């Protein structure tokens, strides 16, 4: 049990470092305008309709994917809880339910850490590209 609390504390600490960091990205307006003009011109030439920023498309895909993973996490936790309730003292079923819940929480921690790391790297790249 101490290991679980230690792991939870470590996760919250590391995650807070990535989430609550200061945003140092000050994009150069000229370069941003050039990029916007390029993808708008490309969309106009290809007759695709309104141009959309590729970064926003990727961000939308990531949000949908994380929402799906969150749904899977909740289903696994509910399944583990249900199995725990209907175990009726059977040690094998109790272990199975506890392992399901434990693995779902570990999976969620891994997903959140990977998202925080990717966000941190993306902000660093944005600062490197646009200056700041």
C-alpha atoms as a PDB file:
ATOM      1  CA  UNK A   1       0.000   0.000   0.000  1.00  0.00           C
ATOM      2  CA  UNK A   2       2.903   2.339   0.721  1.00  0.00           C
ATOM      3  CA  UNK A   3       4.200   1.678  -2.786  1.00  0.00           C
ATOM      4  CA  UNK A   4       0.868   2.754  -4.277  1.00  0.00           C
ATOM      5  CA  UNK A   5       0.837   6.016  -2.304  1.00  0.00           C
ATOM      6  CA  UNK A   6       4.477   6.658  -3.199  1.00  0.00           C
ATOM      7  CA  UNK A   7       3.741   5.998  -6.868  1.00  0.00           C
ATOM      8  CA  UNK A   8       0.707   8.303  -6.732  1.00  0.00           C
ATOM      9  CA  UNK A   9       2.710  11.075  -5.055  1.00  0.00           C
ATOM     10  CA  UNK A  10       5.517  10.716  -7.593  1.00  0.00           C
ATOM     11  CA  UNK A  11       3.021  10.828 -10.461  1.00  0.00           C
ATOM     12  CA  UNK A  12       1.328  13.976  -9.147  1.00  0.00           C
ATOM     13  CA  UNK A  13       4.691  15.653  -8.582  1.00  0.00           C
ATOM     14  CA  UNK A  14       6.083  14.849 -12.041  1.00  0.00           C
ATOM     15  CA  UNK A  15       2.803  15.653 -13.773  1.00  0.00           C
ATOM     16  CA  UNK A  16       2.578  19.020 -12.008  1.00  0.00           C
ATOM     17  CA  UNK A  17       6.072  19.931 -13.204  1.00  0.00           C
ATOM     18  CA  UNK A  18       4.970  19.531 -16.808  1.00  0.00           C
ATOM     19  CA  UNK A  19       1.511  21.043 -16.466  1.00  0.00           C
ATOM     20  CA  UNK A  20       2.256  24.092 -14.325  1.00  0.00           C
ATOM     21  CA  UNK A  21       5.416  25.222 -16.076  1.00  0.00           C
ATOM     22  CA  UNK A  22       5.552  28.763 -17.397  1.00  0.00           C
ATOM     23  CA  UNK A  23       4.774  29.215 -21.070  1.00  0.00           C
ATOM     24  CA  UNK A  24       7.802  30.863 -22.650  1.00  0.00           C
ATOM     25  CA  UNK A  25       6.688  30.577 -26.267  1.00  0.00           C
ATOM     26  CA  UNK A  26       6.479  33.991 -27.876  1.00  0.00           C
ATOM     27  CA  UNK A  27       5.754  33.259 -31.527  1.00  0.00           C
ATOM     28  CA  UNK A  28       7.028  35.616 -34.146  1.00  0.00           C
ATOM     29  CA  UNK A  29       4.057  37.096 -35.912  1.00  0.00           C
ATOM     30  CA  UNK A  30       5.734  37.305 -39.316  1.00  0.00           C
ATOM     31  CA  UNK A  31       6.632  33.619 -39.456  1.00  0.00           C
ATOM     32  CA  UNK A  32       3.183  32.612 -38.183  1.00  0.00           C
ATOM     33  CA  UNK A  33       1.522  34.758 -40.847  1.00  0.00           C
ATOM     34  CA  UNK A  34       3.681  33.162 -43.541  1.00  0.00           C
ATOM     35  CA  UNK A  35       2.726  29.680 -42.416  1.00  0.00           C
ATOM     36  CA  UNK A  36      -0.967  30.611 -42.326  1.00  0.00           C
ATOM     37  CA  UNK A  37      -0.795  32.099 -45.820  1.00  0.00           C
ATOM     38  CA  UNK A  38       0.917  28.972 -47.153  1.00  0.00           C
ATOM     39  CA  UNK A  39      -1.659  26.471 -45.950  1.00  0.00           C
ATOM     40  CA  UNK A  40      -4.525  28.786 -46.961  1.00  0.00           C
ATOM     41  CA  UNK A  41      -3.021  29.108 -50.449  1.00  0.00           C
ATOM     42  CA  UNK A  42      -2.572  25.337 -50.639  1.00  0.00           C
ATOM     43  CA  UNK A  43      -6.162  24.689 -49.635  1.00  0.00           C
ATOM     44  CA  UNK A  44      -7.391  27.293 -52.118  1.00  0.00           C
ATOM     45  CA  UNK A  45      -5.342  25.834 -54.973  1.00  0.00           C
ATOM     46  CA  UNK A  46      -6.548  22.318 -54.202  1.00  0.00           C
ATOM     47  CA  UNK A  47     -10.148  23.585 -53.896  1.00  0.00           C
ATOM     48  CA  UNK A  48     -10.578  21.914 -50.505  1.00  0.00           C
ATOM     49  CA  UNK A  49     -12.672  24.679 -49.033  1.00  0.00           C
ATOM     50  CA  UNK A  50     -11.730  26.467 -45.843  1.00  0.00           C
ATOM     51  CA  UNK A  51      -8.113  26.001 -44.796  1.00  0.00           C
ATOM     52  CA  UNK A  52      -7.511  24.495 -41.368  1.00  0.00           C
ATOM     53  CA  UNK A  53      -4.332  24.705 -39.373  1.00  0.00           C
ATOM     54  CA  UNK A  54      -2.693  21.243 -39.336  1.00  0.00           C
ATOM     55  CA  UNK A  55      -1.702  21.736 -35.706  1.00  0.00           C
ATOM     56  CA  UNK A  56      -5.354  22.157 -34.748  1.00  0.00           C
ATOM     57  CA  UNK A  57      -6.258  19.004 -36.655  1.00  0.00           C
ATOM     58  CA  UNK A  58      -3.583  17.036 -34.804  1.00  0.00           C
ATOM     59  CA  UNK A  59      -4.691  18.559 -31.491  1.00  0.00           C
ATOM     60  CA  UNK A  60      -8.282  17.500 -32.204  1.00  0.00           C
ATOM     61  CA  UNK A  61      -7.164  13.959 -33.021  1.00  0.00           C
ATOM     62  CA  UNK A  62      -5.164  13.792 -29.789  1.00  0.00           C
ATOM     63  CA  UNK A  63      -8.155  15.064 -27.766  1.00  0.00           C
ATOM     64  CA  UNK A  64     -10.450  12.447 -29.311  1.00  0.00           C
ATOM     65  CA  UNK A  65      -7.870   9.718 -28.689  1.00  0.00           C
ATOM     66  CA  UNK A  66      -7.422  10.767 -25.046  1.00  0.00           C
ATOM     67  CA  UNK A  67     -11.190  10.845 -24.607  1.00  0.00           C
ATOM     68  CA  UNK A  68     -11.375   7.307 -25.955  1.00  0.00           C
ATOM     69  CA  UNK A  69      -8.616   6.179 -23.592  1.00  0.00           C
ATOM     70  CA  UNK A  70     -10.425   7.832 -20.690  1.00  0.00           C
ATOM     71  CA  UNK A  71     -13.578   5.921 -21.610  1.00  0.00           C
ATOM     72  CA  UNK A  72     -11.643   2.667 -21.726  1.00  0.00           C
ATOM     73  CA  UNK A  73     -10.134   3.477 -18.312  1.00  0.00           C
ATOM     74  CA  UNK A  74     -13.581   4.088 -16.801  1.00  0.00           C
ATOM     75  CA  UNK A  75     -14.955   0.846 -18.281  1.00  0.00           C
ATOM     76  CA  UNK A  76     -12.033  -1.120 -16.838  1.00  0.00           C
ATOM     77  CA  UNK A  77     -12.463   0.452 -13.406  1.00  0.00           C
ATOM     78  CA  UNK A  78     -16.204  -0.250 -13.433  1.00  0.00           C
ATOM     79  CA  UNK A  79     -15.586  -3.831 -14.558  1.00  0.00           C
ATOM     80  CA  UNK A  80     -13.056  -4.317 -11.758  1.00  0.00           C
ATOM     81  CA  UNK A  81     -15.458  -2.814  -9.229  1.00  0.00           C
ATOM     82  CA  UNK A  82     -18.321  -4.982 -10.445  1.00  0.00           C
ATOM     83  CA  UNK A  83     -16.153  -8.105 -10.277  1.00  0.00           C
ATOM     84  CA  UNK A  84     -15.100  -7.110  -6.773  1.00  0.00           C
ATOM     85  CA  UNK A  85     -18.726  -6.747  -5.699  1.00  0.00           C
ATOM     86  CA  UNK A  86     -19.827 -10.108  -7.094  1.00  0.00           C
ATOM     87  CA  UNK A  87     -16.735 -12.005  -5.882  1.00  0.00           C
ATOM     88  CA  UNK A  88     -18.523 -13.062  -2.668  1.00  0.00           C
ATOM     89  CA  UNK A  89     -15.327 -13.881  -0.850  1.00  0.00           C
ATOM     90  CA  UNK A  90     -13.739 -15.919  -3.668  1.00  0.00           C
ATOM     91  CA  UNK A  91     -10.054 -15.025  -3.392  1.00  0.00           C
ATOM     92  CA  UNK A  92      -9.347 -15.697  -7.081  1.00  0.00           C
ATOM     93  CA  UNK A  93     -12.112 -13.337  -8.243  1.00  0.00           C
ATOM     94  CA  UNK A  94     -11.057 -10.681  -5.727  1.00  0.00           C
ATOM     95  CA  UNK A  95      -7.450 -10.847  -7.002  1.00  0.00           C
ATOM     96  CA  UNK A  96      -8.672 -10.597 -10.608  1.00  0.00           C
ATOM     97  CA  UNK A  97     -10.776  -7.527  -9.803  1.00  0.00           C
ATOM     98  CA  UNK A  98      -7.982  -5.839  -7.864  1.00  0.00           C
ATOM     99  CA  UNK A  99      -5.488  -6.535 -10.644  1.00  0.00           C
ATOM    100  CA  UNK A 100      -7.881  -5.089 -13.230  1.00  0.00           C
ATOM    101  CA  UNK A 101      -8.312  -1.870 -11.249  1.00  0.00           C
ATOM    102  CA  UNK A 102      -4.592  -1.637 -10.499  1.00  0.00           C
ATOM    103  CA  UNK A 103      -3.608  -2.123 -14.141  1.00  0.00           C
ATOM    104  CA  UNK A 104      -6.198   0.400 -15.311  1.00  0.00           C
ATOM    105  CA  UNK A 105      -4.811   3.030 -12.919  1.00  0.00           C
ATOM    106  CA  UNK A 106      -1.233   2.265 -13.989  1.00  0.00           C
ATOM    107  CA  UNK A 107      -2.311   2.592 -17.626  1.00  0.00           C
ATOM    108  CA  UNK A 108      -3.918   5.936 -16.924  1.00  0.00           C
ATOM    109  CA  UNK A 109      -0.762   7.153 -15.170  1.00  0.00           C
ATOM    110  CA  UNK A 110       1.370   6.088 -18.153  1.00  0.00           C
ATOM    111  CA  UNK A 111      -0.978   7.830 -20.579  1.00  0.00           C
ATOM    112  CA  UNK A 112      -0.985  11.055 -18.572  1.00  0.00           C
ATOM    113  CA  UNK A 113       2.795  11.035 -18.198  1.00  0.00           C
ATOM    114  CA  UNK A 114       3.280  10.422 -21.915  1.00  0.00           C
ATOM    115  CA  UNK A 115       0.903  13.283 -22.711  1.00  0.00           C
ATOM    116  CA  UNK A 116       2.782  15.580 -20.322  1.00  0.00           C
ATOM    117  CA  UNK A 117       6.125  14.636 -21.884  1.00  0.00           C
ATOM    118  CA  UNK A 118       4.831  15.176 -25.432  1.00  0.00           C
ATOM    119  CA  UNK A 119       3.347  18.531 -24.406  1.00  0.00           C
ATOM    120  CA  UNK A 120       6.636  19.570 -22.806  1.00  0.00           C
ATOM    121  CA  UNK A 121       8.630  18.594 -25.923  1.00  0.00           C
ATOM    122  CA  UNK A 122       6.135  20.329 -28.227  1.00  0.00           C
ATOM    123  CA  UNK A 123       6.408  23.560 -26.224  1.00  0.00           C
ATOM    124  CA  UNK A 124      10.203  23.304 -26.370  1.00  0.00           C
ATOM    125  CA  UNK A 125      10.119  22.804 -30.129  1.00  0.00           C
ATOM    126  CA  UNK A 126       7.708  25.672 -30.547  1.00  0.00           C
ATOM    127  CA  UNK A 127      10.039  27.919 -28.564  1.00  0.00           C
ATOM    128  CA  UNK A 128      13.009  26.757 -30.635  1.00  0.00           C
ATOM    129  CA  UNK A 129      11.210  27.312 -33.953  1.00  0.00           C
ATOM    130  CA  UNK A 130       9.406  30.555 -33.224  1.00  0.00           C
ATOM    131  CA  UNK A 131      11.893  32.022 -30.787  1.00  0.00           C
ATOM    132  CA  UNK A 132      11.166  33.291 -27.380  1.00  0.00           C
END
